[in-house]
Amino acid sequence: MAYIYPAPGVTDAESTLTISVASNGSDTGTAIPALQDITVNAANDVFTWTQLDQGSKLQIATTATNSLGMNLVLDGTTFFGTVGSGGATAAELGIFGASTDKTKIAFDLYLGDNDDGTAGKTLSGEGYVTGLAPTVSADAPVWVSPITITVDGDYTVT
């Protein structure tokens, strides 16, 4: 058995997120630095009904709601982009521009290497950046923000 071990701080073994503009085939992607945590959501909806001849409710799985949730320490260039709103690539838009422009992004989330040293899996897909809420405080004197990528469709695992 090989456990997924993202090896925080170990180059080429840690979990990484790369985003690009989905409609721009020449966008090589931008790595999102300073991830604090990552949550992968793959939640099937369930349709529930009752029947007069059954003592319990019946259920069937329907379409899934997929999303990536994470927190990150803000890097000014990655967050605001090199151009900002109206940019053509993820690097130009930044996370904030991709959210405010409602730009569909493509993402690749490398989960990290396995504990036996073999390469791990990558989740890929397309979606939209939502849920930005940067905060700073005296106890945490760097800007930190949650970020959600709501996935349009299915994940691809490679």
C-alpha atoms as a PDB file:
ATOM      1  CA  MET A   1       0.000   0.000   0.000  1.00  0.00           C
ATOM      2  CA  ALA A   2       1.261   3.483  -0.839  1.00  0.00           C
ATOM      3  CA  TYR A   3      -0.155   6.405   1.092  1.00  0.00           C
ATOM      4  CA  ILE A   4      -0.444   9.826  -0.536  1.00  0.00           C
ATOM      5  CA  TYR A   5       2.171  11.896   1.249  1.00  0.00           C
ATOM      6  CA  PRO A   6       2.422  15.500   0.055  1.00  0.00           C
ATOM      7  CA  ALA A   7       5.742  16.035   1.890  1.00  0.00           C
ATOM      8  CA  PRO A   8       5.320  19.716   2.799  1.00  0.00           C
ATOM      9  CA  GLY A   9       8.433  21.683   1.863  1.00  0.00           C
ATOM     10  CA  VAL A  10       9.961  18.932  -0.257  1.00  0.00           C
ATOM     11  CA  THR A  11      10.424  20.199  -3.819  1.00  0.00           C
ATOM     12  CA  ASP A  12       8.625  18.141  -6.495  1.00  0.00           C
ATOM     13  CA  ALA A  13       6.848  16.035  -3.876  1.00  0.00           C
ATOM     14  CA  GLU A  14       4.405  18.504  -2.306  1.00  0.00           C
ATOM     15  CA  SER A  15       0.828  19.223  -3.347  1.00  0.00           C
ATOM     16  CA  THR A  16       0.649  21.914  -6.022  1.00  0.00           C
ATOM     17  CA  LEU A  17      -2.137  23.796  -7.777  1.00  0.00           C
ATOM     18  CA  THR A  18      -1.733  25.252 -11.256  1.00  0.00           C
ATOM     19  CA  ILE A  19      -4.432  27.310 -12.979  1.00  0.00           C
ATOM     20  CA  SER A  20      -4.816  28.616 -16.519  1.00  0.00           C
ATOM     21  CA  VAL A  21      -7.547  30.344 -18.531  1.00  0.00           C
ATOM     22  CA  ALA A  22      -9.670  27.496 -19.935  1.00  0.00           C
ATOM     23  CA  SER A  23     -10.399  29.235 -23.251  1.00  0.00           C
ATOM     24  CA  ASN A  24      -6.742  30.173 -23.877  1.00  0.00           C
ATOM     25  CA  GLY A  25      -4.891  27.132 -25.220  1.00  0.00           C
ATOM     26  CA  SER A  26      -1.560  28.983 -25.124  1.00  0.00           C
ATOM     27  CA  ASP A  27      -1.838  29.816 -21.381  1.00  0.00           C
ATOM     28  CA  THR A  28       0.904  27.653 -19.841  1.00  0.00           C
ATOM     29  CA  GLY A  29      -0.532  28.032 -16.354  1.00  0.00           C
ATOM     30  CA  THR A  30       0.354  29.753 -13.109  1.00  0.00           C
ATOM     31  CA  ALA A  31       1.377  27.900  -9.961  1.00  0.00           C
ATOM     32  CA  ILE A  32      -0.518  29.075  -6.881  1.00  0.00           C
ATOM     33  CA  PRO A  33       1.994  29.471  -4.028  1.00  0.00           C
ATOM     34  CA  ALA A  34       1.565  29.328  -0.250  1.00  0.00           C
ATOM     35  CA  LEU A  35      -1.305  26.854   0.029  1.00  0.00           C
ATOM     36  CA  GLN A  36      -2.101  26.151   3.673  1.00  0.00           C
ATOM     37  CA  ASP A  37      -4.656  23.378   3.200  1.00  0.00           C
ATOM     38  CA  ILE A  38      -6.686  21.782   0.418  1.00  0.00           C
ATOM     39  CA  THR A  39     -10.106  20.114   0.479  1.00  0.00           C
ATOM     40  CA  VAL A  40     -11.372  18.115  -2.499  1.00  0.00           C
ATOM     41  CA  ASN A  41     -15.170  17.858  -2.588  1.00  0.00           C
ATOM     42  CA  ALA A  42     -16.918  15.261  -4.735  1.00  0.00           C
ATOM     43  CA  ALA A  43     -20.431  15.198  -3.352  1.00  0.00           C
ATOM     44  CA  ASN A  44     -23.230  13.346  -5.117  1.00  0.00           C
ATOM     45  CA  ASP A  45     -26.688  14.782  -4.691  1.00  0.00           C
ATOM     46  CA  VAL A  46     -29.356  12.306  -3.657  1.00  0.00           C
ATOM     47  CA  PHE A  47     -32.998  12.201  -4.734  1.00  0.00           C
ATOM     48  CA  THR A  48     -35.226  10.869  -1.948  1.00  0.00           C
ATOM     49  CA  TRP A  49     -38.818   9.680  -2.229  1.00  0.00           C
ATOM     50  CA  THR A  50     -41.396   7.715  -0.268  1.00  0.00           C
ATOM     51  CA  GLN A  51     -43.779   5.006  -1.390  1.00  0.00           C
ATOM     52  CA  LEU A  52     -46.926   3.767   0.278  1.00  0.00           C
ATOM     53  CA  ASP A  53     -45.656   0.168   0.180  1.00  0.00           C
ATOM     54  CA  GLN A  54     -42.314   0.965   1.909  1.00  0.00           C
ATOM     55  CA  GLY A  55     -41.585   1.596   5.566  1.00  0.00           C
ATOM     56  CA  SER A  56     -38.424   3.579   4.747  1.00  0.00           C
ATOM     57  CA  LYS A  57     -37.496   6.310   2.305  1.00  0.00           C
ATOM     58  CA  LEU A  58     -35.835   5.328  -0.958  1.00  0.00           C
ATOM     59  CA  GLN A  59     -32.866   7.137  -2.469  1.00  0.00           C
ATOM     60  CA  ILE A  60     -30.863   7.282  -5.665  1.00  0.00           C
ATOM     61  CA  ALA A  61     -27.647   9.179  -6.383  1.00  0.00           C
ATOM     62  CA  THR A  62     -27.892  11.978  -8.939  1.00  0.00           C
ATOM     63  CA  THR A  63     -25.383  14.477 -10.301  1.00  0.00           C
ATOM     64  CA  ALA A  64     -22.324  15.474  -8.269  1.00  0.00           C
ATOM     65  CA  THR A  65     -21.344  18.896  -7.004  1.00  0.00           C
ATOM     66  CA  ASN A  66     -17.541  19.114  -7.209  1.00  0.00           C
ATOM     67  CA  SER A  67     -15.272  21.797  -5.808  1.00  0.00           C
ATOM     68  CA  LEU A  68     -11.800  22.494  -4.462  1.00  0.00           C
ATOM     69  CA  GLY A  69     -11.513  24.499  -1.272  1.00  0.00           C
ATOM     70  CA  MET A  70      -8.284  25.859   0.139  1.00  0.00           C
ATOM     71  CA  ASN A  71      -6.669  28.612   2.155  1.00  0.00           C
ATOM     72  CA  LEU A  72      -3.617  30.495   1.004  1.00  0.00           C
ATOM     73  CA  VAL A  73      -1.271  33.195   2.154  1.00  0.00           C
ATOM     74  CA  LEU A  74      -1.598  35.958  -0.416  1.00  0.00           C
ATOM     75  CA  ASP A  75       1.192  36.706  -2.850  1.00  0.00           C
ATOM     76  CA  GLY A  76       0.493  40.102  -4.449  1.00  0.00           C
ATOM     77  CA  THR A  77       1.395  39.109  -7.997  1.00  0.00           C
ATOM     78  CA  THR A  78      -0.449  35.802  -7.976  1.00  0.00           C
ATOM     79  CA  PHE A  79      -3.505  37.263  -6.246  1.00  0.00           C
ATOM     80  CA  PHE A  80      -3.858  40.478  -8.293  1.00  0.00           C
ATOM     81  CA  GLY A  81      -2.086  39.367 -11.490  1.00  0.00           C
ATOM     82  CA  THR A  82       0.289  41.314 -13.688  1.00  0.00           C
ATOM     83  CA  VAL A  83      -2.560  43.090 -15.532  1.00  0.00           C
ATOM     84  CA  GLY A  84      -5.627  42.374 -13.400  1.00  0.00           C
ATOM     85  CA  SER A  85      -9.138  42.467 -14.790  1.00  0.00           C
ATOM     86  CA  GLY A  86      -9.252  41.841 -18.524  1.00  0.00           C
ATOM     87  CA  GLY A  87      -6.042  39.781 -18.695  1.00  0.00           C
ATOM     88  CA  ALA A  88      -5.768  36.917 -21.180  1.00  0.00           C
ATOM     89  CA  THR A  89      -3.812  34.439 -19.019  1.00  0.00           C
ATOM     90  CA  ALA A  90      -4.042  33.315 -15.412  1.00  0.00           C
ATOM     91  CA  ALA A  91      -0.781  35.137 -14.646  1.00  0.00           C
ATOM     92  CA  GLU A  92      -2.220  38.375 -16.050  1.00  0.00           C
ATOM     93  CA  LEU A  93      -5.629  38.001 -14.371  1.00  0.00           C
ATOM     94  CA  GLY A  94      -4.494  36.730 -11.009  1.00  0.00           C
ATOM     95  CA  ILE A  95      -6.875  34.920  -8.685  1.00  0.00           C
ATOM     96  CA  PHE A  96      -8.828  38.104  -7.945  1.00  0.00           C
ATOM     97  CA  GLY A  97      -9.223  39.001 -11.634  1.00  0.00           C
ATOM     98  CA  ALA A  98     -10.334  35.465 -12.521  1.00  0.00           C
ATOM     99  CA  SER A  99     -13.008  35.747  -9.827  1.00  0.00           C
ATOM    100  CA  THR A 100     -14.259  39.257 -10.634  1.00  0.00           C
ATOM    101  CA  ASP A 101     -14.184  38.648 -14.412  1.00  0.00           C
ATOM    102  CA  LYS A 102     -15.994  35.299 -13.940  1.00  0.00           C
ATOM    103  CA  THR A 103     -13.344  33.628 -16.093  1.00  0.00           C
ATOM    104  CA  LYS A 104     -13.538  29.856 -16.468  1.00  0.00           C
ATOM    105  CA  ILE A 105     -10.204  28.395 -15.434  1.00  0.00           C
ATOM    106  CA  ALA A 106      -8.564  25.031 -15.973  1.00  0.00           C
ATOM    107  CA  PHE A 107      -6.788  23.543 -12.960  1.00  0.00           C
ATOM    108  CA  ASP A 108      -4.333  20.779 -12.161  1.00  0.00           C
ATOM    109  CA  LEU A 109      -4.049  19.744  -8.514  1.00  0.00           C
ATOM    110  CA  TYR A 110      -1.110  17.427  -7.891  1.00  0.00           C
ATOM    111  CA  LEU A 111      -1.930  15.560  -4.681  1.00  0.00           C
ATOM    112  CA  GLY A 112       1.687  14.840  -3.799  1.00  0.00           C
ATOM    113  CA  ASP A 113       3.994  11.868  -4.033  1.00  0.00           C
ATOM    114  CA  ASN A 114       3.237   8.515  -2.446  1.00  0.00           C
ATOM    115  CA  ASP A 115       5.091   7.543   0.731  1.00  0.00           C
ATOM    116  CA  ASP A 116       6.986   4.869  -1.225  1.00  0.00           C
ATOM    117  CA  GLY A 117       8.528   7.557  -3.465  1.00  0.00           C
ATOM    118  CA  THR A 118       6.372   6.945  -6.524  1.00  0.00           C
ATOM    119  CA  ALA A 119       4.602   9.786  -8.314  1.00  0.00           C
ATOM    120  CA  GLY A 120       1.125  10.613  -7.094  1.00  0.00           C
ATOM    121  CA  LYS A 121      -2.107  11.468  -8.862  1.00  0.00           C
ATOM    122  CA  THR A 122      -3.311  14.741 -10.393  1.00  0.00           C
ATOM    123  CA  LEU A 123      -6.913  15.964 -10.333  1.00  0.00           C
ATOM    124  CA  SER A 124      -7.770  18.184 -13.294  1.00  0.00           C
ATOM    125  CA  GLY A 125     -10.858  20.025 -14.416  1.00  0.00           C
ATOM    126  CA  GLU A 126     -12.400  23.381 -15.203  1.00  0.00           C
ATOM    127  CA  GLY A 127     -14.371  25.763 -13.048  1.00  0.00           C
ATOM    128  CA  TYR A 128     -14.731  29.198 -11.528  1.00  0.00           C
ATOM    129  CA  VAL A 129     -12.917  30.977  -8.682  1.00  0.00           C
ATOM    130  CA  THR A 130     -15.286  31.942  -5.860  1.00  0.00           C
ATOM    131  CA  GLY A 131     -15.293  32.473  -2.111  1.00  0.00           C
ATOM    132  CA  LEU A 132     -12.442  34.966  -1.814  1.00  0.00           C
ATOM    133  CA  ALA A 133     -12.443  36.633   1.608  1.00  0.00           C
ATOM    134  CA  PRO A 134      -8.959  37.984   2.452  1.00  0.00           C
ATOM    135  CA  THR A 135      -8.311  38.731   6.118  1.00  0.00           C
ATOM    136  CA  VAL A 136      -5.475  40.069   8.218  1.00  0.00           C
ATOM    137  CA  SER A 137      -5.166  40.588  11.962  1.00  0.00           C
ATOM    138  CA  ALA A 138      -2.614  41.494  14.602  1.00  0.00           C
ATOM    139  CA  ASP A 139      -2.242  37.797  15.476  1.00  0.00           C
ATOM    140  CA  ALA A 140      -1.889  36.785  11.816  1.00  0.00           C
ATOM    141  CA  PRO A 141      -0.092  39.737  10.197  1.00  0.00           C
ATOM    142  CA  VAL A 142      -0.118  38.382   6.632  1.00  0.00           C
ATOM    143  CA  TRP A 143      -3.132  38.396   4.335  1.00  0.00           C
ATOM    144  CA  VAL A 144      -4.792  34.977   4.144  1.00  0.00           C
ATOM    145  CA  SER A 145      -7.819  34.049   2.039  1.00  0.00           C
ATOM    146  CA  PRO A 146     -10.049  31.080   1.463  1.00  0.00           C
ATOM    147  CA  ILE A 147     -10.530  30.227  -2.207  1.00  0.00           C
ATOM    148  CA  THR A 148     -13.007  27.858  -3.792  1.00  0.00           C
ATOM    149  CA  ILE A 149     -12.914  26.537  -7.327  1.00  0.00           C
ATOM    150  CA  THR A 150     -16.422  25.366  -8.227  1.00  0.00           C
ATOM    151  CA  VAL A 151     -15.898  22.609 -10.774  1.00  0.00           C
ATOM    152  CA  ASP A 152     -17.875  22.682 -14.013  1.00  0.00           C
ATOM    153  CA  GLY A 153     -18.321  18.983 -14.743  1.00  0.00           C
ATOM    154  CA  ASP A 154     -16.209  16.054 -13.609  1.00  0.00           C
ATOM    155  CA  TYR A 155     -12.698  15.683 -12.271  1.00  0.00           C
ATOM    156  CA  THR A 156     -10.148  13.916 -14.433  1.00  0.00           C
ATOM    157  CA  VAL A 157      -7.634  11.757 -12.549  1.00  0.00           C
ATOM    158  CA  THR A 158      -4.220  11.105 -14.092  1.00  0.00           C
END
